[in-house]
Amino acid sequence: MEKRPEEKIPDEITKPATADAIPTLVEFASTHAWEAGFSNERIREISRAVEEALQNIVTFACADGTGEISMSCDVHESGTLIITMVDTGAPLNMLLAGTFPEAKDFFEPGKEPSTKVMKKTIQNIEYRRGSDRNTLVFTITPNLKEKS
């Protein structure tokens, strides 16, 4: 991944909640992970986790295609990357999918959010609902080997 010196990467981006917007949003998160100093392998993992989350948002929370997704990235002095995804869709705590047998009652058979990649890759994931929005936060700490 290469950045031209004169480019200033925005801290936030908003796109329609459609499948067409997913690659742009994933690239946005990947660029911030690169700027934060994560390895190429770790950036690929983060990208896959972000893509999975966005796919769930588009498919389940914003299924009618009228919502928006805002993504912001913040890097703390410690090197921790915080990726926040906010959507205007229906309430969806995708973190509960597959956790409780009752969760299957809310989805069509065989059609429930996938969180396998997210949960394997991102150690700290938070969900909250407020102001008619879903907020999903990935907190990604750097591997000490990456920073040395």
Foldseek 3Di string as FASTA:
>chain_A
DDDDPVDDQDQKDKDFLAPVCLVVVLVSQLVVLVVLQADPVLSVLVSVQSSLVSVQCSVPFVVVRGKMKMWGWDADPQSKIKIKIKMLGHDDPLVCVPVDPCVVVVDDVPDHRDNVSVVVNAVDWDWDDDPNMIMIMGIGGHDVVSVD
